[in-house]
Amino acid sequence: MSPTAPTAQIDVGMLEKMFGLVGEIAVVTGAGAGLGKEIAGLLARAGATVVIADVVVDAAESVAADLRGAGRDSRAMQVDVTDEDSIVALFDQVEQQLGGVTILVNNAGIYPCRRLEEMTVAEWDRVQNVNLRGTFLCSREAVRGMKSRGRPGRIVNITSIAAFNPALIGNAHYASSKAGITMLTKTLALEVAADNILVNAVAPGGVMTETRADRVDDATTWAGPATQPGRFLLGTASPTKHAAAVLFLVSPAASHVTGQTFVVDGGFLVT
């Protein structure tokens, strides 16, 4: 009879060192619902103090209250990522109350559908302002604070598979904004590496949030490659799977990673 193989032992302390966020101050924009809510919850469970930043303050308060009820340190703060003054005020408030941001997740975004020939300038500009300009402004304020304190920092931007391949018809404004975020991630990473600030991105694909579920029956919204059977080899994902990628990138485990986009798309881009 062959000897029994020893049971593998999990070094919990090592895992906590690699993925624990105790002492970190994280701001997650658009965290009142959907993917942002999931990211905020996961970072809080990893030990970070998490600021739920959202334009809908009641939603932010609800998420923060749930986290506090679970024994996590969380605050709700209102922000409009299209408004420079609102963003500056958010980071000032975090600085005064918590001592400054060490982790920023630029998650706030919108994804309306409109064919290009029907799109107005206002519609184009709104998507760019929320998705790309908002990411720029929040990143700028985070970097200024991180540099002034001389502490390491982490920024993760939420981009999309649409930054690489068209996924839905009527998403020219959205895809362009996300492609801009992908390049902004690389250029900012280059600028701030010497300050020990790491900048990366996560590109979700096929994520099912409550916002998307509300729109899934809209035939004019959901048309294009992403609706074709078999394109997502692993199926539609819950937000938890995308939030896990964010946790990795802001954790000590990713201390030698910057300027990268982590695609979490269930295999869409290879089909």
C-alpha atoms as a PDB file:
ATOM      1  CA  MET A   1       0.000   0.000   0.000  1.00  0.00           C
ATOM      2  CA  SER A   2       1.467   3.319  -1.068  1.00  0.00           C
ATOM      3  CA  PRO A   3       2.016   5.947   1.610  1.00  0.00           C
ATOM      4  CA  THR A   4      -0.629   8.642   1.882  1.00  0.00           C
ATOM      5  CA  ALA A   5       0.483  11.971   0.407  1.00  0.00           C
ATOM      6  CA  PRO A   6       0.736  14.724   3.017  1.00  0.00           C
ATOM      7  CA  THR A   7      -2.159  17.152   3.100  1.00  0.00           C
ATOM      8  CA  ALA A   8      -1.178  20.507   1.616  1.00  0.00           C
ATOM      9  CA  GLN A   9      -1.115  23.249   4.213  1.00  0.00           C
ATOM     10  CA  ILE A  10      -2.298  26.736   3.304  1.00  0.00           C
ATOM     11  CA  ASP A  11      -0.075  29.453   4.683  1.00  0.00           C
ATOM     12  CA  VAL A  12      -2.792  31.922   5.682  1.00  0.00           C
ATOM     13  CA  GLY A  13      -0.268  34.468   6.885  1.00  0.00           C
ATOM     14  CA  MET A  14       1.478  34.471   3.521  1.00  0.00           C
ATOM     15  CA  LEU A  15      -1.845  34.928   1.699  1.00  0.00           C
ATOM     16  CA  GLU A  16      -2.757  37.840   3.960  1.00  0.00           C
ATOM     17  CA  LYS A  17       0.578  39.462   3.179  1.00  0.00           C
ATOM     18  CA  MET A  18       0.037  39.017  -0.553  1.00  0.00           C
ATOM     19  CA  PHE A  19      -3.591  40.083  -0.755  1.00  0.00           C
ATOM     20  CA  GLY A  20      -4.365  41.937   2.485  1.00  0.00           C
ATOM     21  CA  LEU A  21      -5.173  45.650   2.332  1.00  0.00           C
ATOM     22  CA  VAL A  22      -5.154  46.600   6.016  1.00  0.00           C
ATOM     23  CA  GLY A  23      -4.163  50.263   6.374  1.00  0.00           C
ATOM     24  CA  GLU A  24      -5.086  51.156   2.788  1.00  0.00           C
ATOM     25  CA  ILE A  25      -7.567  53.918   1.948  1.00  0.00           C
ATOM     26  CA  ALA A  26      -9.477  53.026  -1.209  1.00  0.00           C
ATOM     27  CA  VAL A  27     -11.790  55.214  -3.270  1.00  0.00           C
ATOM     28  CA  VAL A  28     -14.075  53.384  -5.700  1.00  0.00           C
ATOM     29  CA  THR A  29     -16.069  55.619  -8.042  1.00  0.00           C
ATOM     30  CA  GLY A  30     -19.492  54.529  -9.222  1.00  0.00           C
ATOM     31  CA  ALA A  31     -19.640  52.153  -6.263  1.00  0.00           C
ATOM     32  CA  GLY A  32     -23.305  52.642  -5.455  1.00  0.00           C
ATOM     33  CA  ALA A  33     -24.291  49.687  -7.655  1.00  0.00           C
ATOM     34  CA  GLY A  34     -23.082  47.048 -10.083  1.00  0.00           C
ATOM     35  CA  LEU A  35     -19.424  46.227 -10.531  1.00  0.00           C
ATOM     36  CA  GLY A  36     -18.283  49.168  -8.380  1.00  0.00           C
ATOM     37  CA  LYS A  37     -20.335  47.903  -5.444  1.00  0.00           C
ATOM     38  CA  GLU A  38     -18.760  44.460  -5.797  1.00  0.00           C
ATOM     39  CA  ILE A  39     -15.241  45.888  -6.016  1.00  0.00           C
ATOM     40  CA  ALA A  40     -15.789  48.046  -2.942  1.00  0.00           C
ATOM     41  CA  GLY A  41     -17.086  45.093  -0.957  1.00  0.00           C
ATOM     42  CA  LEU A  42     -14.141  42.887  -1.874  1.00  0.00           C
ATOM     43  CA  LEU A  43     -11.553  45.554  -1.033  1.00  0.00           C
ATOM     44  CA  ALA A  44     -13.294  46.135   2.294  1.00  0.00           C
ATOM     45  CA  ARG A  45     -13.221  42.414   3.076  1.00  0.00           C
ATOM     46  CA  ALA A  46      -9.496  42.452   2.314  1.00  0.00           C
ATOM     47  CA  GLY A  47      -9.069  45.051   5.064  1.00  0.00           C
ATOM     48  CA  ALA A  48      -9.115  48.414   3.292  1.00  0.00           C
ATOM     49  CA  THR A  49     -11.096  51.420   4.450  1.00  0.00           C
ATOM     50  CA  VAL A  50     -13.324  52.007   1.432  1.00  0.00           C
ATOM     51  CA  VAL A  51     -14.935  55.229   0.246  1.00  0.00           C
ATOM     52  CA  ILE A  52     -18.106  54.569  -1.742  1.00  0.00           C
ATOM     53  CA  ALA A  53     -18.065  57.482  -4.197  1.00  0.00           C
ATOM     54  CA  ASP A  54     -21.138  57.896  -6.368  1.00  0.00           C
ATOM     55  CA  VAL A  55     -23.247  60.630  -7.908  1.00  0.00           C
ATOM     56  CA  VAL A  56     -26.308  59.008  -6.285  1.00  0.00           C
ATOM     57  CA  VAL A  57     -25.537  59.632  -2.632  1.00  0.00           C
ATOM     58  CA  ASP A  58     -28.422  57.501  -1.293  1.00  0.00           C
ATOM     59  CA  ALA A  59     -27.060  54.465  -3.140  1.00  0.00           C
ATOM     60  CA  ALA A  60     -23.572  55.160  -1.801  1.00  0.00           C
ATOM     61  CA  GLU A  61     -24.903  55.481   1.739  1.00  0.00           C
ATOM     62  CA  SER A  62     -26.731  52.167   1.429  1.00  0.00           C
ATOM     63  CA  VAL A  63     -23.613  50.298   0.276  1.00  0.00           C
ATOM     64  CA  ALA A  64     -21.448  51.885   2.974  1.00  0.00           C
ATOM     65  CA  ALA A  65     -24.023  51.069   5.659  1.00  0.00           C
ATOM     66  CA  ASP A  66     -24.131  47.415   4.562  1.00  0.00           C
ATOM     67  CA  LEU A  67     -20.339  47.198   4.772  1.00  0.00           C
ATOM     68  CA  ARG A  68     -20.277  48.806   8.205  1.00  0.00           C
ATOM     69  CA  GLY A  69     -22.970  46.372   9.311  1.00  0.00           C
ATOM     70  CA  ALA A  70     -20.626  43.556   8.296  1.00  0.00           C
ATOM     71  CA  GLY A  71     -17.857  45.047  10.416  1.00  0.00           C
ATOM     72  CA  ARG A  72     -16.004  46.833   7.598  1.00  0.00           C
ATOM     73  CA  ASP A  73     -14.812  50.440   7.627  1.00  0.00           C
ATOM     74  CA  SER A  74     -16.610  52.311   4.873  1.00  0.00           C
ATOM     75  CA  ARG A  75     -17.737  55.883   4.137  1.00  0.00           C
ATOM     76  CA  ALA A  76     -20.124  57.258   1.530  1.00  0.00           C
ATOM     77  CA  MET A  77     -19.210  60.404  -0.374  1.00  0.00           C
ATOM     78  CA  GLN A  78     -20.926  62.077  -3.302  1.00  0.00           C
ATOM     79  CA  VAL A  79     -19.036  62.826  -6.490  1.00  0.00           C
ATOM     80  CA  ASP A  80     -19.924  63.818 -10.043  1.00  0.00           C
ATOM     81  CA  VAL A  81     -17.000  62.623 -12.152  1.00  0.00           C
ATOM     82  CA  THR A  82     -17.919  65.070 -14.931  1.00  0.00           C
ATOM     83  CA  ASP A  83     -17.381  68.006 -12.549  1.00  0.00           C
ATOM     84  CA  GLU A  84     -13.788  68.982 -11.736  1.00  0.00           C
ATOM     85  CA  ASP A  85     -14.766  70.869  -8.588  1.00  0.00           C
ATOM     86  CA  SER A  86     -16.729  67.878  -7.307  1.00  0.00           C
ATOM     87  CA  ILE A  87     -13.740  65.585  -7.804  1.00  0.00           C
ATOM     88  CA  VAL A  88     -11.325  67.966  -6.096  1.00  0.00           C
ATOM     89  CA  ALA A  89     -13.759  68.243  -3.181  1.00  0.00           C
ATOM     90  CA  LEU A  90     -13.980  64.442  -2.913  1.00  0.00           C
ATOM     91  CA  PHE A  91     -10.224  63.999  -2.601  1.00  0.00           C
ATOM     92  CA  ASP A  92      -9.980  66.915  -0.161  1.00  0.00           C
ATOM     93  CA  GLN A  93     -12.670  65.297   1.971  1.00  0.00           C
ATOM     94  CA  VAL A  94     -10.882  61.936   1.955  1.00  0.00           C
ATOM     95  CA  GLU A  95      -7.632  63.685   2.878  1.00  0.00           C
ATOM     96  CA  GLN A  96      -9.238  65.487   5.816  1.00  0.00           C
ATOM     97  CA  GLN A  97     -11.184  62.516   7.152  1.00  0.00           C
ATOM     98  CA  LEU A  98      -8.923  59.559   6.424  1.00  0.00           C
ATOM     99  CA  GLY A  99      -5.475  60.884   5.581  1.00  0.00           C
ATOM    100  CA  GLY A 100      -5.483  60.505   1.817  1.00  0.00           C
ATOM    101  CA  VAL A 101      -6.093  57.936  -0.898  1.00  0.00           C
ATOM    102  CA  THR A 102      -3.689  55.040  -1.405  1.00  0.00           C
ATOM    103  CA  ILE A 103      -5.913  53.080  -3.814  1.00  0.00           C
ATOM    104  CA  LEU A 104      -8.146  54.520  -6.539  1.00  0.00           C
ATOM    105  CA  VAL A 105     -10.479  52.429  -8.677  1.00  0.00           C
ATOM    106  CA  ASN A 106     -11.895  54.442 -11.577  1.00  0.00           C
ATOM    107  CA  ASN A 107     -15.071  52.449 -12.109  1.00  0.00           C
ATOM    108  CA  ALA A 108     -17.705  55.122 -12.813  1.00  0.00           C
ATOM    109  CA  GLY A 109     -18.941  54.847 -16.369  1.00  0.00           C
ATOM    110  CA  ILE A 110     -21.962  54.863 -18.663  1.00  0.00           C
ATOM    111  CA  TYR A 111     -22.683  52.793 -21.750  1.00  0.00           C
ATOM    112  CA  PRO A 112     -25.666  54.043 -23.753  1.00  0.00           C
ATOM    113  CA  CYS A 113     -26.149  52.688 -27.272  1.00  0.00           C
ATOM    114  CA  ARG A 114     -26.713  54.875 -30.311  1.00  0.00           C
ATOM    115  CA  ARG A 115     -25.743  54.321 -33.930  1.00  0.00           C
ATOM    116  CA  LEU A 116     -23.149  56.811 -35.092  1.00  0.00           C
ATOM    117  CA  GLU A 117     -25.329  58.483 -37.735  1.00  0.00           C
ATOM    118  CA  GLU A 118     -28.007  59.132 -35.094  1.00  0.00           C
ATOM    119  CA  MET A 119     -25.640  60.279 -32.329  1.00  0.00           C
ATOM    120  CA  THR A 120     -25.661  63.884 -31.163  1.00  0.00           C
ATOM    121  CA  VAL A 121     -22.597  65.810 -30.065  1.00  0.00           C
ATOM    122  CA  ALA A 122     -24.103  66.026 -26.576  1.00  0.00           C
ATOM    123  CA  GLU A 123     -24.419  62.238 -26.390  1.00  0.00           C
ATOM    124  CA  TRP A 124     -20.845  61.748 -27.584  1.00  0.00           C
ATOM    125  CA  ASP A 125     -19.506  64.347 -25.150  1.00  0.00           C
ATOM    126  CA  ARG A 126     -21.379  62.936 -22.154  1.00  0.00           C
ATOM    127  CA  VAL A 127     -19.867  59.475 -22.606  1.00  0.00           C
ATOM    128  CA  GLN A 128     -16.374  60.931 -22.998  1.00  0.00           C
ATOM    129  CA  ASN A 129     -16.872  63.185 -19.974  1.00  0.00           C
ATOM    130  CA  VAL A 130     -18.054  60.445 -17.633  1.00  0.00           C
ATOM    131  CA  ASN A 131     -15.794  57.637 -18.807  1.00  0.00           C
ATOM    132  CA  LEU A 132     -12.536  59.204 -20.000  1.00  0.00           C
ATOM    133  CA  ARG A 133     -12.456  62.725 -18.564  1.00  0.00           C
ATOM    134  CA  GLY A 134     -13.673  61.451 -15.193  1.00  0.00           C
ATOM    135  CA  THR A 135     -10.891  58.850 -15.119  1.00  0.00           C
ATOM    136  CA  PHE A 136      -8.326  61.519 -15.988  1.00  0.00           C
ATOM    137  CA  LEU A 137      -9.508  63.947 -13.301  1.00  0.00           C
ATOM    138  CA  CYS A 138      -9.767  61.367 -10.518  1.00  0.00           C
ATOM    139  CA  SER A 139      -6.351  59.953 -11.429  1.00  0.00           C
ATOM    140  CA  ARG A 140      -4.823  63.424 -11.440  1.00  0.00           C
ATOM    141  CA  GLU A 141      -6.097  64.213  -7.967  1.00  0.00           C
ATOM    142  CA  ALA A 142      -5.078  60.804  -6.619  1.00  0.00           C
ATOM    143  CA  VAL A 143      -1.549  61.137  -8.015  1.00  0.00           C
ATOM    144  CA  ARG A 144      -1.151  64.637  -6.583  1.00  0.00           C
ATOM    145  CA  GLY A 145      -2.060  63.378  -3.134  1.00  0.00           C
ATOM    146  CA  MET A 146       0.054  60.220  -3.347  1.00  0.00           C
ATOM    147  CA  LYS A 147       3.102  62.217  -4.421  1.00  0.00           C
ATOM    148  CA  SER A 148       2.649  64.837  -1.719  1.00  0.00           C
ATOM    149  CA  ARG A 149       2.545  62.147   0.973  1.00  0.00           C
ATOM    150  CA  GLY A 150       5.385  60.131  -0.540  1.00  0.00           C
ATOM    151  CA  ARG A 151       3.485  56.861  -0.091  1.00  0.00           C
ATOM    152  CA  PRO A 152       3.116  54.056  -2.638  1.00  0.00           C
ATOM    153  CA  GLY A 153      -0.176  54.087  -4.494  1.00  0.00           C
ATOM    154  CA  ARG A 154      -2.301  51.953  -6.772  1.00  0.00           C
ATOM    155  CA  ILE A 155      -4.698  53.069  -9.499  1.00  0.00           C
ATOM    156  CA  VAL A 156      -6.920  50.640 -11.389  1.00  0.00           C
ATOM    157  CA  ASN A 157      -9.032  51.855 -14.296  1.00  0.00           C
ATOM    158  CA  ILE A 158     -12.039  49.915 -15.550  1.00  0.00           C
ATOM    159  CA  THR A 159     -11.867  49.739 -19.316  1.00  0.00           C
ATOM    160  CA  SER A 160     -13.601  47.163 -21.550  1.00  0.00           C
ATOM    161  CA  ILE A 161     -13.170  44.509 -24.207  1.00  0.00           C
ATOM    162  CA  ALA A 162     -14.695  47.189 -26.452  1.00  0.00           C
ATOM    163  CA  ALA A 163     -11.355  49.001 -26.224  1.00  0.00           C
ATOM    164  CA  PHE A 164      -9.852  46.194 -28.309  1.00  0.00           C
ATOM    165  CA  ASN A 165     -12.674  44.837 -30.454  1.00  0.00           C
ATOM    166  CA  PRO A 166     -16.133  46.161 -31.315  1.00  0.00           C
ATOM    167  CA  ALA A 167     -18.567  44.242 -29.133  1.00  0.00           C
ATOM    168  CA  LEU A 168     -21.941  45.915 -29.587  1.00  0.00           C
ATOM    169  CA  ILE A 169     -23.535  47.941 -32.349  1.00  0.00           C
ATOM    170  CA  GLY A 170     -24.118  51.535 -31.316  1.00  0.00           C
ATOM    171  CA  ASN A 171     -21.139  51.738 -28.971  1.00  0.00           C
ATOM    172  CA  ALA A 172     -18.731  53.968 -30.932  1.00  0.00           C
ATOM    173  CA  HIS A 173     -18.672  56.643 -28.195  1.00  0.00           C
ATOM    174  CA  TYR A 174     -18.305  54.045 -25.433  1.00  0.00           C
ATOM    175  CA  ALA A 175     -15.615  52.006 -27.192  1.00  0.00           C
ATOM    176  CA  SER A 176     -13.642  55.145 -28.016  1.00  0.00           C
ATOM    177  CA  SER A 177     -13.756  56.301 -24.396  1.00  0.00           C
ATOM    178  CA  LYS A 178     -12.571  52.903 -23.171  1.00  0.00           C
ATOM    179  CA  ALA A 179      -9.752  52.786 -25.726  1.00  0.00           C
ATOM    180  CA  GLY A 180      -8.708  56.175 -24.382  1.00  0.00           C
ATOM    181  CA  ILE A 181      -8.706  54.817 -20.831  1.00  0.00           C
ATOM    182  CA  THR A 182      -6.523  51.900 -21.920  1.00  0.00           C
ATOM    183  CA  MET A 183      -3.890  54.266 -23.340  1.00  0.00           C
ATOM    184  CA  LEU A 184      -4.223  56.665 -20.413  1.00  0.00           C
ATOM    185  CA  THR A 185      -3.388  53.715 -18.153  1.00  0.00           C
ATOM    186  CA  LYS A 186      -0.133  53.077 -20.006  1.00  0.00           C
ATOM    187  CA  THR A 187       0.988  56.681 -20.247  1.00  0.00           C
ATOM    188  CA  LEU A 188       0.223  57.466 -16.615  1.00  0.00           C
ATOM    189  CA  ALA A 189       2.038  54.308 -15.507  1.00  0.00           C
ATOM    190  CA  LEU A 190       5.111  55.540 -17.356  1.00  0.00           C
ATOM    191  CA  GLU A 191       4.931  58.962 -15.694  1.00  0.00           C
ATOM    192  CA  VAL A 192       4.519  57.853 -12.080  1.00  0.00           C
ATOM    193  CA  ALA A 193       6.497  54.607 -11.817  1.00  0.00           C
ATOM    194  CA  ALA A 194       9.416  56.412 -10.181  1.00  0.00           C
ATOM    195  CA  ASP A 195       7.022  57.513  -7.415  1.00  0.00           C
ATOM    196  CA  ASN A 196       6.045  53.881  -6.712  1.00  0.00           C
ATOM    197  CA  ILE A 197       2.546  54.477  -8.025  1.00  0.00           C
ATOM    198  CA  LEU A 198       1.311  51.542 -10.086  1.00  0.00           C
ATOM    199  CA  VAL A 199      -1.372  52.103 -12.711  1.00  0.00           C
ATOM    200  CA  ASN A 200      -3.223  49.214 -14.331  1.00  0.00           C
ATOM    201  CA  ALA A 201      -6.603  48.447 -15.851  1.00  0.00           C
ATOM    202  CA  VAL A 202      -9.182  45.685 -15.894  1.00  0.00           C
ATOM    203  CA  ALA A 203     -11.124  45.052 -19.107  1.00  0.00           C
ATOM    204  CA  PRO A 204     -14.337  43.204 -18.274  1.00  0.00           C
ATOM    205  CA  GLY A 205     -16.435  41.390 -20.814  1.00  0.00           C
ATOM    206  CA  GLY A 206     -19.734  39.633 -20.373  1.00  0.00           C
ATOM    207  CA  VAL A 207     -20.328  40.901 -16.847  1.00  0.00           C
ATOM    208  CA  MET A 208     -23.927  40.720 -15.621  1.00  0.00           C
ATOM    209  CA  THR A 209     -24.797  43.559 -13.242  1.00  0.00           C
ATOM    210  CA  GLU A 210     -28.209  44.799 -12.173  1.00  0.00           C
ATOM    211  CA  THR A 211     -27.875  47.720 -14.617  1.00  0.00           C
ATOM    212  CA  ARG A 212     -27.209  45.432 -17.538  1.00  0.00           C
ATOM    213  CA  ALA A 213     -29.944  43.019 -16.480  1.00  0.00           C
ATOM    214  CA  ASP A 214     -32.435  45.889 -16.664  1.00  0.00           C
ATOM    215  CA  ARG A 215     -31.528  46.408 -20.337  1.00  0.00           C
ATOM    216  CA  VAL A 216     -31.042  42.880 -21.566  1.00  0.00           C
ATOM    217  CA  ASP A 217     -34.433  42.718 -23.302  1.00  0.00           C
ATOM    218  CA  ASP A 218     -33.795  45.877 -25.329  1.00  0.00           C
ATOM    219  CA  ALA A 219     -33.136  44.527 -28.830  1.00  0.00           C
ATOM    220  CA  THR A 220     -31.831  47.868 -30.059  1.00  0.00           C
ATOM    221  CA  THR A 221     -29.248  47.916 -27.258  1.00  0.00           C
ATOM    222  CA  TRP A 222     -28.008  44.333 -27.431  1.00  0.00           C
ATOM    223  CA  ALA A 223     -26.903  43.604 -30.985  1.00  0.00           C
ATOM    224  CA  GLY A 224     -23.453  42.799 -32.306  1.00  0.00           C
ATOM    225  CA  PRO A 225     -20.604  40.314 -31.765  1.00  0.00           C
ATOM    226  CA  ALA A 226     -21.082  40.105 -27.994  1.00  0.00           C
ATOM    227  CA  THR A 227     -24.602  38.742 -28.523  1.00  0.00           C
ATOM    228  CA  GLN A 228     -23.508  35.899 -30.814  1.00  0.00           C
ATOM    229  CA  PRO A 229     -23.789  32.416 -29.277  1.00  0.00           C
ATOM    230  CA  GLY A 230     -20.495  30.945 -28.156  1.00  0.00           C
ATOM    231  CA  ARG A 231     -18.445  34.145 -28.191  1.00  0.00           C
ATOM    232  CA  PHE A 232     -17.961  34.060 -24.412  1.00  0.00           C
ATOM    233  CA  LEU A 233     -16.291  30.688 -23.989  1.00  0.00           C
ATOM    234  CA  LEU A 234     -16.817  30.693 -20.217  1.00  0.00           C
ATOM    235  CA  GLY A 235     -20.246  32.326 -20.308  1.00  0.00           C
ATOM    236  CA  THR A 236     -21.480  35.505 -18.672  1.00  0.00           C
ATOM    237  CA  ALA A 237     -19.654  36.339 -15.451  1.00  0.00           C
ATOM    238  CA  SER A 238     -20.821  37.690 -12.132  1.00  0.00           C
ATOM    239  CA  PRO A 239     -19.200  40.973 -11.009  1.00  0.00           C
ATOM    240  CA  THR A 240     -17.268  39.007  -8.353  1.00  0.00           C
ATOM    241  CA  LYS A 241     -14.947  37.549 -10.985  1.00  0.00           C
ATOM    242  CA  HIS A 242     -14.025  40.985 -12.286  1.00  0.00           C
ATOM    243  CA  ALA A 243     -13.672  42.426  -8.794  1.00  0.00           C
ATOM    244  CA  ALA A 244     -11.136  39.684  -8.021  1.00  0.00           C
ATOM    245  CA  ALA A 245      -8.920  41.002 -10.816  1.00  0.00           C
ATOM    246  CA  VAL A 246      -9.049  44.467  -9.260  1.00  0.00           C
ATOM    247  CA  LEU A 247      -8.113  43.041  -5.862  1.00  0.00           C
ATOM    248  CA  PHE A 248      -5.070  41.360  -7.385  1.00  0.00           C
ATOM    249  CA  LEU A 249      -3.885  44.556  -9.071  1.00  0.00           C
ATOM    250  CA  VAL A 250      -4.160  46.709  -5.936  1.00  0.00           C
ATOM    251  CA  SER A 251      -2.617  44.063  -3.663  1.00  0.00           C
ATOM    252  CA  PRO A 252       1.044  43.447  -2.769  1.00  0.00           C
ATOM    253  CA  ALA A 253       0.862  40.371  -5.005  1.00  0.00           C
ATOM    254  CA  ALA A 254       0.965  42.705  -8.040  1.00  0.00           C
ATOM    255  CA  SER A 255       3.835  44.856  -6.783  1.00  0.00           C
ATOM    256  CA  HIS A 256       5.802  44.376 -10.030  1.00  0.00           C
ATOM    257  CA  VAL A 257       2.907  45.037 -12.422  1.00  0.00           C
ATOM    258  CA  THR A 258       2.203  48.413 -14.021  1.00  0.00           C
ATOM    259  CA  GLY A 259       0.882  49.759 -17.305  1.00  0.00           C
ATOM    260  CA  GLN A 260      -1.042  46.556 -17.979  1.00  0.00           C
ATOM    261  CA  THR A 261      -4.629  45.799 -18.909  1.00  0.00           C
ATOM    262  CA  PHE A 262      -5.961  42.613 -17.336  1.00  0.00           C
ATOM    263  CA  VAL A 263      -8.628  41.208 -19.685  1.00  0.00           C
ATOM    264  CA  VAL A 264     -11.350  39.247 -17.880  1.00  0.00           C
ATOM    265  CA  ASP A 265     -13.711  38.386 -20.713  1.00  0.00           C
ATOM    266  CA  GLY A 266     -14.467  34.671 -20.522  1.00  0.00           C
ATOM    267  CA  GLY A 267     -12.578  34.133 -23.780  1.00  0.00           C
ATOM    268  CA  PHE A 268     -14.438  36.671 -25.972  1.00  0.00           C
ATOM    269  CA  LEU A 269     -11.316  38.148 -27.571  1.00  0.00           C
ATOM    270  CA  VAL A 270     -10.025  34.769 -28.747  1.00  0.00           C
ATOM    271  CA  THR A 271     -13.242  33.706 -30.503  1.00  0.00           C
END
